[in-house]
Amino acid sequence: MNIEPQTTNLTNDIKNLITTSQEKAIRAVDYQRVLLYWHIGQRILNNQTILASKYQLYLPSEEELVKELCKELQEMKIITC
């Protein structure tokens, strides 16, 4: 009895399971990353809008704000920019 074809089928089946799971995990992480960036953008926009209308003062550009946020989050060891 030759078990090699059965082993090859089993190996390929397991390989496909692993590959499919890895692809699903990557998509899930990408989805969460996009959602995170969208929420961050919303927070920045809402913050700028509220401050501008409430206090009518000079606000840094979005680029300046993002740089400052990045610096503060790096100091907190939350992210690397």
PDB file of N, CA and C in Angstrom:
ATOM      1  N   MET A   1       0.835  -1.188   0.000  1.00  0.00           N
ATOM      2  CA  MET A   1       0.000   0.000   0.000  1.00  0.00           C
ATOM      3  C   MET A   1       0.875   1.244   0.000  1.00  0.00           C
ATOM      4  N   ASN A   2       0.603   2.130  -0.915  1.00  0.00           N
ATOM      5  CA  ASN A   2       1.399   3.347  -1.056  1.00  0.00           C
ATOM      6  C   ASN A   2       0.683   4.488  -0.328  1.00  0.00           C
ATOM      7  N   ILE A   3       1.296   5.008   0.732  1.00  0.00           N
ATOM      8  CA  ILE A   3       0.664   6.101   1.492  1.00  0.00           C
ATOM      9  C   ILE A   3       1.138   7.474   1.026  1.00  0.00           C
ATOM     10  N   GLU A   4       2.098   7.503   0.125  1.00  0.00           N
ATOM     11  CA  GLU A   4       2.622   8.800  -0.337  1.00  0.00           C
ATOM     12  C   GLU A   4       1.543   9.694  -0.957  1.00  0.00           C
ATOM     13  N   PRO A   5       0.685   9.208  -1.853  1.00  0.00           N
ATOM     14  CA  PRO A   5      -0.364  10.088  -2.406  1.00  0.00           C
ATOM     15  C   PRO A   5      -1.306  10.616  -1.318  1.00  0.00           C
ATOM     16  N   GLN A   6      -1.627   9.780  -0.316  1.00  0.00           N
ATOM     17  CA  GLN A   6      -2.496  10.237   0.767  1.00  0.00           C
ATOM     18  C   GLN A   6      -1.811  11.319   1.592  1.00  0.00           C
ATOM     19  N   THR A   7      -0.541  11.129   1.867  1.00  0.00           N
ATOM     20  CA  THR A   7       0.221  12.114   2.627  1.00  0.00           C
ATOM     21  C   THR A   7       0.325  13.412   1.850  1.00  0.00           C
ATOM     22  N   THR A   8       0.561  13.310   0.539  1.00  0.00           N
ATOM     23  CA  THR A   8       0.644  14.501  -0.297  1.00  0.00           C
ATOM     24  C   THR A   8      -0.683  15.247  -0.293  1.00  0.00           C
ATOM     25  N   ASN A   9      -1.796  14.534  -0.395  1.00  0.00           N
ATOM     26  CA  ASN A   9      -3.110  15.175  -0.344  1.00  0.00           C
ATOM     27  C   ASN A   9      -3.341  15.859   0.991  1.00  0.00           C
ATOM     28  N   LEU A  10      -2.986  15.163   2.069  1.00  0.00           N
ATOM     29  CA  LEU A  10      -3.153  15.732   3.406  1.00  0.00           C
ATOM     30  C   LEU A  10      -2.270  16.962   3.580  1.00  0.00           C
ATOM     31  N   THR A  11      -1.044  16.875   3.128  1.00  0.00           N
ATOM     32  CA  THR A  11      -0.115  18.005   3.215  1.00  0.00           C
ATOM     33  C   THR A  11      -0.644  19.206   2.439  1.00  0.00           C
ATOM     34  N   ASN A  12      -1.124  18.969   1.231  1.00  0.00           N
ATOM     35  CA  ASN A  12      -1.676  20.066   0.421  1.00  0.00           C
ATOM     36  C   ASN A  12      -2.917  20.656   1.075  1.00  0.00           C
ATOM     37  N   ASP A  13      -3.751  19.799   1.643  1.00  0.00           N
ATOM     38  CA  ASP A  13      -4.961  20.273   2.329  1.00  0.00           C
ATOM     39  C   ASP A  13      -4.593  21.169   3.505  1.00  0.00           C
ATOM     40  N   ILE A  14      -3.644  20.731   4.301  1.00  0.00           N
ATOM     41  CA  ILE A  14      -3.209  21.528   5.462  1.00  0.00           C
ATOM     42  C   ILE A  14      -2.548  22.814   5.002  1.00  0.00           C
ATOM     43  N   LYS A  15      -1.745  22.733   3.944  1.00  0.00           N
ATOM     44  CA  LYS A  15      -1.114  23.936   3.392  1.00  0.00           C
ATOM     45  C   LYS A  15      -2.174  24.944   2.965  1.00  0.00           C
ATOM     46  N   ASN A  16      -3.231  24.476   2.303  1.00  0.00           N
ATOM     47  CA  ASN A  16      -4.310  25.369   1.880  1.00  0.00           C
ATOM     48  C   ASN A  16      -5.034  25.993   3.067  1.00  0.00           C
ATOM     49  N   LEU A  17      -5.251  25.209   4.114  1.00  0.00           N
ATOM     50  CA  LEU A  17      -5.877  25.753   5.327  1.00  0.00           C
ATOM     51  C   LEU A  17      -5.032  26.869   5.933  1.00  0.00           C
ATOM     52  N   ILE A  18      -3.736  26.620   6.025  1.00  0.00           N
ATOM     53  CA  ILE A  18      -2.821  27.615   6.599  1.00  0.00           C
ATOM     54  C   ILE A  18      -2.794  28.866   5.728  1.00  0.00           C
ATOM     55  N   THR A  19      -2.660  28.704   4.435  1.00  0.00           N
ATOM     56  CA  THR A  19      -2.608  29.841   3.512  1.00  0.00           C
ATOM     57  C   THR A  19      -3.890  30.660   3.583  1.00  0.00           C
ATOM     58  N   THR A  20      -5.031  29.989   3.593  1.00  0.00           N
ATOM     59  CA  THR A  20      -6.314  30.682   3.669  1.00  0.00           C
ATOM     60  C   THR A  20      -6.431  31.461   4.978  1.00  0.00           C
ATOM     61  N   SER A  21      -6.030  30.848   6.074  1.00  0.00           N
ATOM     62  CA  SER A  21      -6.082  31.533   7.370  1.00  0.00           C
ATOM     63  C   SER A  21      -5.152  32.738   7.413  1.00  0.00           C
ATOM     64  N   GLN A  22      -3.970  32.593   6.854  1.00  0.00           N
ATOM     65  CA  GLN A  22      -3.027  33.711   6.813  1.00  0.00           C
ATOM     66  C   GLN A  22      -3.598  34.865   5.994  1.00  0.00           C
ATOM     67  N   GLU A  23      -4.198  34.560   4.850  1.00  0.00           N
ATOM     68  CA  GLU A  23      -4.782  35.599   4.000  1.00  0.00           C
ATOM     69  C   GLU A  23      -5.930  36.308   4.713  1.00  0.00           C
ATOM     70  N   LYS A  24      -6.769  35.560   5.427  1.00  0.00           N
ATOM     71  CA  LYS A  24      -7.869  36.158   6.186  1.00  0.00           C
ATOM     72  C   LYS A  24      -7.340  37.046   7.306  1.00  0.00           C
ATOM     73  N   ALA A  25      -6.285  36.605   7.966  1.00  0.00           N
ATOM     74  CA  ALA A  25      -5.695  37.403   9.045  1.00  0.00           C
ATOM     75  C   ALA A  25      -5.135  38.710   8.501  1.00  0.00           C
ATOM     76  N   ILE A  26      -4.464  38.655   7.370  1.00  0.00           N
ATOM     77  CA  ILE A  26      -3.903  39.866   6.754  1.00  0.00           C
ATOM     78  C   ILE A  26      -5.016  40.839   6.393  1.00  0.00           C
ATOM     79  N   ARG A  27      -6.095  40.328   5.795  1.00  0.00           N
ATOM     80  CA  ARG A  27      -7.224  41.199   5.435  1.00  0.00           C
ATOM     81  C   ARG A  27      -7.864  41.820   6.672  1.00  0.00           C
ATOM     82  N   ALA A  28      -7.982  41.041   7.750  1.00  0.00           N
ATOM     83  CA  ALA A  28      -8.581  41.558   8.980  1.00  0.00           C
ATOM     84  C   ALA A  28      -7.716  42.675   9.576  1.00  0.00           C
ATOM     85  N   VAL A  29      -6.411  42.480   9.569  1.00  0.00           N
ATOM     86  CA  VAL A  29      -5.497  43.505  10.085  1.00  0.00           C
ATOM     87  C   VAL A  29      -5.559  44.754   9.216  1.00  0.00           C
ATOM     88  N   ASP A  30      -5.565  44.583   7.902  1.00  0.00           N
ATOM     89  CA  ASP A  30      -5.654  45.723   6.992  1.00  0.00           C
ATOM     90  C   ASP A  30      -6.953  46.488   7.213  1.00  0.00           C
ATOM     91  N   TYR A  31      -8.052  45.778   7.390  1.00  0.00           N
ATOM     92  CA  TYR A  31      -9.347  46.417   7.633  1.00  0.00           C
ATOM     93  C   TYR A  31      -9.295  47.244   8.916  1.00  0.00           C
ATOM     94  N   GLN A  32      -8.743  46.671   9.982  1.00  0.00           N
ATOM     95  CA  GLN A  32      -8.655  47.388  11.249  1.00  0.00           C
ATOM     96  C   GLN A  32      -7.744  48.606  11.144  1.00  0.00           C
ATOM     97  N   ARG A  33      -6.672  48.491  10.377  1.00  0.00           N
ATOM     98  CA  ARG A  33      -5.756  49.621  10.188  1.00  0.00           C
ATOM     99  C   ARG A  33      -6.455  50.765   9.462  1.00  0.00           C
ATOM    100  N   VAL A  34      -7.202  50.444   8.418  1.00  0.00           N
ATOM    101  CA  VAL A  34      -7.943  51.471   7.682  1.00  0.00           C
ATOM    102  C   VAL A  34      -8.969  52.127   8.597  1.00  0.00           C
ATOM    103  N   LEU A  35      -9.670  51.319   9.378  1.00  0.00           N
ATOM    104  CA  LEU A  35     -10.657  51.844  10.319  1.00  0.00           C
ATOM    105  C   LEU A  35      -9.998  52.756  11.352  1.00  0.00           C
ATOM    106  N   LEU A  36      -8.849  52.354  11.866  1.00  0.00           N
ATOM    107  CA  LEU A  36      -8.106  53.165  12.828  1.00  0.00           C
ATOM    108  C   LEU A  36      -7.728  54.506  12.219  1.00  0.00           C
ATOM    109  N   TYR A  37      -7.164  54.509  11.016  1.00  0.00           N
ATOM    110  CA  TYR A  37      -6.766  55.752  10.370  1.00  0.00           C
ATOM    111  C   TYR A  37      -7.973  56.653  10.106  1.00  0.00           C
ATOM    112  N   TRP A  38      -9.090  56.046   9.736  1.00  0.00           N
ATOM    113  CA  TRP A  38     -10.301  56.830   9.500  1.00  0.00           C
ATOM    114  C   TRP A  38     -10.748  57.504  10.800  1.00  0.00           C
ATOM    115  N   HIS A  39     -10.750  56.751  11.903  1.00  0.00           N
ATOM    116  CA  HIS A  39     -11.158  57.321  13.196  1.00  0.00           C
ATOM    117  C   HIS A  39     -10.195  58.427  13.646  1.00  0.00           C
ATOM    118  N   ILE A  40      -8.911  58.224  13.433  1.00  0.00           N
ATOM    119  CA  ILE A  40      -7.931  59.258  13.780  1.00  0.00           C
ATOM    120  C   ILE A  40      -8.206  60.521  12.968  1.00  0.00           C
ATOM    121  N   GLY A  41      -8.430  60.364  11.670  1.00  0.00           N
ATOM    122  CA  GLY A  41      -8.731  61.514  10.818  1.00  0.00           C
ATOM    123  C   GLY A  41      -9.993  62.233  11.266  1.00  0.00           C
ATOM    124  N   GLN A  42     -11.015  61.481  11.625  1.00  0.00           N
ATOM    125  CA  GLN A  42     -12.255  62.073  12.129  1.00  0.00           C
ATOM    126  C   GLN A  42     -12.007  62.881  13.396  1.00  0.00           C
ATOM    127  N   ARG A  43     -11.216  62.320  14.317  1.00  0.00           N
ATOM    128  CA  ARG A  43     -10.927  63.016  15.578  1.00  0.00           C
ATOM    129  C   ARG A  43     -10.186  64.328  15.315  1.00  0.00           C
ATOM    130  N   ILE A  44      -9.212  64.280  14.416  1.00  0.00           N
ATOM    131  CA  ILE A  44      -8.449  65.480  14.082  1.00  0.00           C
ATOM    132  C   ILE A  44      -9.372  66.527  13.464  1.00  0.00           C
ATOM    133  N   LEU A  45     -10.170  66.126  12.492  1.00  0.00           N
ATOM    134  CA  LEU A  45     -11.083  67.051  11.830  1.00  0.00           C
ATOM    135  C   LEU A  45     -12.091  67.643  12.819  1.00  0.00           C
ATOM    136  N   ASN A  46     -12.693  66.812  13.657  1.00  0.00           N
ATOM    137  CA  ASN A  46     -13.653  67.303  14.646  1.00  0.00           C
ATOM    138  C   ASN A  46     -12.992  68.259  15.626  1.00  0.00           C
ATOM    139  N   ASN A  47     -11.801  67.917  16.064  1.00  0.00           N
ATOM    140  CA  ASN A  47     -11.067  68.763  17.000  1.00  0.00           C
ATOM    141  C   ASN A  47     -10.793  70.134  16.381  1.00  0.00           C
ATOM    142  N   GLN A  48     -10.311  70.137  15.147  1.00  0.00           N
ATOM    143  CA  GLN A  48     -10.006  71.391  14.465  1.00  0.00           C
ATOM    144  C   GLN A  48     -11.269  72.220  14.247  1.00  0.00           C
ATOM    145  N   THR A  49     -12.340  71.569  13.859  1.00  0.00           N
ATOM    146  CA  THR A  49     -13.596  72.273  13.590  1.00  0.00           C
ATOM    147  C   THR A  49     -14.162  72.892  14.858  1.00  0.00           C
ATOM    148  N   ILE A  50     -14.176  72.142  15.937  1.00  0.00           N
ATOM    149  CA  ILE A  50     -14.711  72.644  17.216  1.00  0.00           C
ATOM    150  C   ILE A  50     -13.877  73.807  17.719  1.00  0.00           C
ATOM    151  N   LEU A  51     -12.571  73.652  17.726  1.00  0.00           N
ATOM    152  CA  LEU A  51     -11.707  74.720  18.230  1.00  0.00           C
ATOM    153  C   LEU A  51     -11.820  75.976  17.381  1.00  0.00           C
ATOM    154  N   ALA A  52     -11.870  75.807  16.075  1.00  0.00           N
ATOM    155  CA  ALA A  52     -11.943  76.965  15.185  1.00  0.00           C
ATOM    156  C   ALA A  52     -13.246  77.723  15.380  1.00  0.00           C
ATOM    157  N   SER A  53     -14.356  77.012  15.512  1.00  0.00           N
ATOM    158  CA  SER A  53     -15.638  77.703  15.646  1.00  0.00           C
ATOM    159  C   SER A  53     -15.843  78.252  17.059  1.00  0.00           C
ATOM    160  N   LYS A  54     -15.316  77.573  18.054  1.00  0.00           N
ATOM    161  CA  LYS A  54     -15.541  77.989  19.437  1.00  0.00           C
ATOM    162  C   LYS A  54     -14.648  79.162  19.839  1.00  0.00           C
ATOM    163  N   TYR A  55     -13.400  79.101  19.451  1.00  0.00           N
ATOM    164  CA  TYR A  55     -12.444  80.106  19.931  1.00  0.00           C
ATOM    165  C   TYR A  55     -11.978  81.074  18.858  1.00  0.00           C
ATOM    166  N   GLN A  56     -12.244  80.773  17.610  1.00  0.00           N
ATOM    167  CA  GLN A  56     -11.816  81.605  16.491  1.00  0.00           C
ATOM    168  C   GLN A  56     -10.352  82.028  16.636  1.00  0.00           C
ATOM    169  N   LEU A  57      -9.534  81.053  16.837  1.00  0.00           N
ATOM    170  CA  LEU A  57      -8.117  81.341  16.995  1.00  0.00           C
ATOM    171  C   LEU A  57      -7.318  80.614  15.938  1.00  0.00           C
ATOM    172  N   TYR A  58      -6.046  80.961  15.869  1.00  0.00           N
ATOM    173  CA  TYR A  58      -5.173  80.307  14.902  1.00  0.00           C
ATOM    174  C   TYR A  58      -5.005  78.856  15.295  1.00  0.00           C
ATOM    175  N   LEU A  59      -5.202  78.009  14.348  1.00  0.00           N
ATOM    176  CA  LEU A  59      -4.981  76.583  14.568  1.00  0.00           C
ATOM    177  C   LEU A  59      -3.858  76.124  13.654  1.00  0.00           C
ATOM    178  N   PRO A  60      -3.057  75.211  14.148  1.00  0.00           N
ATOM    179  CA  PRO A  60      -1.995  74.704  13.278  1.00  0.00           C
ATOM    180  C   PRO A  60      -2.614  73.954  12.100  1.00  0.00           C
ATOM    181  N   SER A  61      -1.858  73.881  11.032  1.00  0.00           N
ATOM    182  CA  SER A  61      -2.331  73.107   9.880  1.00  0.00           C
ATOM    183  C   SER A  61      -2.439  71.638  10.288  1.00  0.00           C
ATOM    184  N   GLU A  62      -3.165  70.885   9.497  1.00  0.00           N
ATOM    185  CA  GLU A  62      -3.289  69.454   9.786  1.00  0.00           C
ATOM    186  C   GLU A  62      -1.915  68.792   9.800  1.00  0.00           C
ATOM    187  N   GLU A  63      -1.040  69.238   8.897  1.00  0.00           N
ATOM    188  CA  GLU A  63       0.307  68.667   8.853  1.00  0.00           C
ATOM    189  C   GLU A  63       1.069  68.947  10.143  1.00  0.00           C
ATOM    190  N   GLU A  64       0.988  70.184  10.628  1.00  0.00           N
ATOM    191  CA  GLU A  64       1.657  70.530  11.888  1.00  0.00           C
ATOM    192  C   GLU A  64       1.064  69.743  13.049  1.00  0.00           C
ATOM    193  N   LEU A  65      -0.251  69.611  13.048  1.00  0.00           N
ATOM    194  CA  LEU A  65      -0.923  68.884  14.118  1.00  0.00           C
ATOM    195  C   LEU A  65      -0.512  67.414  14.115  1.00  0.00           C
ATOM    196  N   VAL A  66      -0.478  66.803  12.943  1.00  0.00           N
ATOM    197  CA  VAL A  66      -0.099  65.399  12.842  1.00  0.00           C
ATOM    198  C   VAL A  66       1.341  65.202  13.301  1.00  0.00           C
ATOM    199  N   LYS A  67       2.234  66.109  12.932  1.00  0.00           N
ATOM    200  CA  LYS A  67       3.631  66.008  13.376  1.00  0.00           C
ATOM    201  C   LYS A  67       3.721  66.086  14.898  1.00  0.00           C
ATOM    202  N   GLU A  68       2.955  66.999  15.497  1.00  0.00           N
ATOM    203  CA  GLU A  68       2.976  67.142  16.955  1.00  0.00           C
ATOM    204  C   GLU A  68       2.376  65.905  17.631  1.00  0.00           C
ATOM    205  N   LEU A  69       1.273  65.413  17.089  1.00  0.00           N
ATOM    206  CA  LEU A  69       0.674  64.195  17.640  1.00  0.00           C
ATOM    207  C   LEU A  69       1.646  63.025  17.547  1.00  0.00           C
ATOM    208  N   CYS A  70       2.315  62.906  16.415  1.00  0.00           N
ATOM    209  CA  CYS A  70       3.289  61.837  16.218  1.00  0.00           C
ATOM    210  C   CYS A  70       4.397  61.931  17.260  1.00  0.00           C
ATOM    211  N   LYS A  71       4.902  63.127  17.464  1.00  0.00           N
ATOM    212  CA  LYS A  71       5.970  63.339  18.440  1.00  0.00           C
ATOM    213  C   LYS A  71       5.512  62.929  19.837  1.00  0.00           C
ATOM    214  N   GLU A  72       4.311  63.363  20.225  1.00  0.00           N
ATOM    215  CA  GLU A  72       3.796  63.039  21.557  1.00  0.00           C
ATOM    216  C   GLU A  72       3.544  61.543  21.716  1.00  0.00           C
ATOM    217  N   LEU A  73       3.003  60.909  20.689  1.00  0.00           N
ATOM    218  CA  LEU A  73       2.737  59.472  20.762  1.00  0.00           C
ATOM    219  C   LEU A  73       4.031  58.662  20.781  1.00  0.00           C
ATOM    220  N   GLN A  74       5.067  59.165  20.103  1.00  0.00           N
ATOM    221  CA  GLN A  74       6.372  58.496  20.163  1.00  0.00           C
ATOM    222  C   GLN A  74       6.945  58.595  21.570  1.00  0.00           C
ATOM    223  N   GLU A  75       6.817  59.754  22.195  1.00  0.00           N
ATOM    224  CA  GLU A  75       7.321  59.921  23.553  1.00  0.00           C
ATOM    225  C   GLU A  75       6.596  59.005  24.529  1.00  0.00           C
ATOM    226  N   MET A  76       5.332  58.717  24.241  1.00  0.00           N
ATOM    227  CA  MET A  76       4.542  57.814  25.082  1.00  0.00           C
ATOM    228  C   MET A  76       4.820  56.345  24.722  1.00  0.00           C
ATOM    229  N   LYS A  77       5.657  56.143  23.695  1.00  0.00           N
ATOM    230  CA  LYS A  77       6.005  54.801  23.211  1.00  0.00           C
ATOM    231  C   LYS A  77       4.777  54.030  22.713  1.00  0.00           C
ATOM    232  N   ILE A  78       3.863  54.773  22.065  1.00  0.00           N
ATOM    233  CA  ILE A  78       2.670  54.187  21.488  1.00  0.00           C
ATOM    234  C   ILE A  78       2.912  53.784  20.036  1.00  0.00           C
ATOM    235  N   ILE A  79       3.607  54.653  19.289  1.00  0.00           N
ATOM    236  CA  ILE A  79       3.858  54.403  17.872  1.00  0.00           C
ATOM    237  C   ILE A  79       5.271  54.860  17.512  1.00  0.00           C
ATOM    238  N   THR A  80       5.687  54.505  16.322  1.00  0.00           N
ATOM    239  CA  THR A  80       6.901  55.061  15.733  1.00  0.00           C
ATOM    240  C   THR A  80       6.481  55.723  14.427  1.00  0.00           C
ATOM    241  N   CYS A  81       7.039  56.875  14.159  1.00  0.00           N
ATOM    242  CA  CYS A  81       6.674  57.621  12.941  1.00  0.00           C
ATOM    243  C   CYS A  81       7.852  57.645  11.991  1.00  0.00           C
TER     244      CYS A  81
END
